[in-house]
C-alpha atoms as a PDB file:
ATOM      1  CA  MET A   1       6.047  12.278   6.778  1.00  0.00           C
ATOM      2  CA  LEU A   2       3.884   9.673   5.086  1.00  0.00           C
ATOM      3  CA  MET A   3       2.763   9.919   1.500  1.00  0.00           C
ATOM      4  CA  LYS A   4      -0.928   9.953   0.713  1.00  0.00           C
ATOM      5  CA  GLY A   5      -2.028   6.420   0.030  1.00  0.00           C
ATOM      6  CA  HIS A   6      -3.921   3.331   1.011  1.00  0.00           C
ATOM      7  CA  PHE A   7      -2.578   0.584   3.297  1.00  0.00           C
ATOM      8  CA  TYR A   8      -4.371  -2.761   3.328  1.00  0.00           C
ATOM      9  CA  ARG A   9      -4.014  -6.521   3.691  1.00  0.00           C
ATOM     10  CA  ARG A  10      -3.788  -7.889   0.177  1.00  0.00           C
ATOM     11  CA  GLY A  11      -6.115 -10.822  -0.436  1.00  0.00           C
ATOM     12  CA  CYS A  12      -7.288 -11.134   3.187  1.00  0.00           C
ATOM     13  CA  LYS A  13     -10.129 -13.645   3.407  1.00  0.00           C
ATOM     14  CA  CYS A  14     -10.791 -13.533   7.163  1.00  0.00           C
ATOM     15  CA  LYS A  15     -11.459  -9.750   7.473  1.00  0.00           C
ATOM     16  CA  LYS A  16     -10.570  -9.784  11.170  1.00  0.00           C
ATOM     17  CA  LYS A  17      -8.622  -7.164  13.098  1.00  0.00           C
ATOM     18  CA  LYS A  18      -6.027  -9.862  13.884  1.00  0.00           C
ATOM     19  CA  CYS A  19      -5.621 -11.611  10.538  1.00  0.00           C
ATOM     20  CA  THR A  20      -5.494 -15.404  10.720  1.00  0.00           C
ATOM     21  CA  CYS A  21      -5.344 -16.167   6.994  1.00  0.00           C
ATOM     22  CA  GLY A  22      -1.686 -15.121   6.637  1.00  0.00           C
ATOM     23  CA  SER A  23      -2.090 -12.320   4.078  1.00  0.00           C
ATOM     24  CA  LYS A  24       0.605  -9.650   3.810  1.00  0.00           C
ATOM     25  CA  TRP A  25       0.318  -5.860   3.994  1.00  0.00           C
ATOM     26  CA  ALA A  26       0.411  -3.741   0.838  1.00  0.00           C
ATOM     27  CA  PHE A  27       0.181  -0.085  -0.138  1.00  0.00           C
ATOM     28  CA  THR A  28      -0.953   2.019  -3.067  1.00  0.00           C
ATOM     29  CA  VAL A  29       0.306   5.607  -3.367  1.00  0.00           C
ATOM     30  CA  ASP A  30      -0.235   8.327  -5.954  1.00  0.00           C
ATOM     31  CA  ILE A  31       3.025   9.385  -7.609  1.00  0.00           C
ATOM     32  CA  GLY A  32       1.672  12.131  -9.863  1.00  0.00           C
ATOM     33  CA  LEU A  33       0.040  12.607 -13.238  1.00  0.00           C
ATOM     34  CA  ASP A  34       1.110  11.220 -16.592  1.00  0.00           C
ATOM     35  CA  PRO A  35       2.077  14.311 -18.637  1.00  0.00           C
ATOM     36  CA  VAL A  36       0.879  12.774 -21.914  1.00  0.00           C
ATOM     37  CA  THR A  37      -2.502  11.319 -20.939  1.00  0.00           C
ATOM     38  CA  GLY A  38      -3.240  13.279 -17.746  1.00  0.00           C
ATOM     39  CA  ASN A  39      -4.121  10.049 -15.920  1.00  0.00           C
ATOM     40  CA  ARG A  40      -3.076   9.352 -12.330  1.00  0.00           C
ATOM     41  CA  LYS A  41       0.060   7.271 -11.825  1.00  0.00           C
ATOM     42  CA  GLN A  42       0.121   4.933  -8.829  1.00  0.00           C
ATOM     43  CA  LYS A  43       2.693   2.678  -7.209  1.00  0.00           C
ATOM     44  CA  VAL A  44       1.612  -0.631  -5.624  1.00  0.00           C
ATOM     45  CA  LYS A  45       3.893  -2.789  -3.505  1.00  0.00           C
ATOM     46  CA  SER A  46       3.082  -5.711  -1.237  1.00  0.00           C
ATOM     47  CA  GLY A  47       4.700  -8.424   0.849  1.00  0.00           C
ATOM     48  CA  PHE A  48       5.143  -6.595   4.169  1.00  0.00           C
ATOM     49  CA  ASN A  49       4.615  -8.466   7.453  1.00  0.00           C
ATOM     50  CA  THR A  50       3.279  -5.430   9.339  1.00  0.00           C
ATOM     51  CA  LYS A  51       1.448  -2.235   8.505  1.00  0.00           C
ATOM     52  CA  GLN A  52       4.354  -0.252   9.967  1.00  0.00           C
ATOM     53  CA  GLU A  53       6.785  -1.874   7.500  1.00  0.00           C
ATOM     54  CA  ALA A  54       4.481  -0.913   4.615  1.00  0.00           C
ATOM     55  CA  GLU A  55       4.233   2.681   5.863  1.00  0.00           C
ATOM     56  CA  GLU A  56       8.017   2.967   6.174  1.00  0.00           C
ATOM     57  CA  ALA A  57       8.493   1.639   2.634  1.00  0.00           C
ATOM     58  CA  ALA A  58       5.936   4.133   1.266  1.00  0.00           C
ATOM     59  CA  ALA A  59       7.566   7.128   2.964  1.00  0.00           C
ATOM     60  CA  PRO A  60       9.723   9.301   0.703  1.00  0.00           C
ATOM     61  CA  HIS A  61      13.436   8.877   1.374  1.00  0.00           C
END
């Protein structure tokens, strides 16, 4: 099961379905609330060659 999050090409300049600018895939997922401040905590990781690799890395183990 995938975690709730956002998968995107980080820094993509070409904005095409088949990216030609060479940007990598990244994800941002919510990991809960900060108990002190009540703000959302998020995890961001990038550097994946495919969207599938990013989704697998975001999935809970």
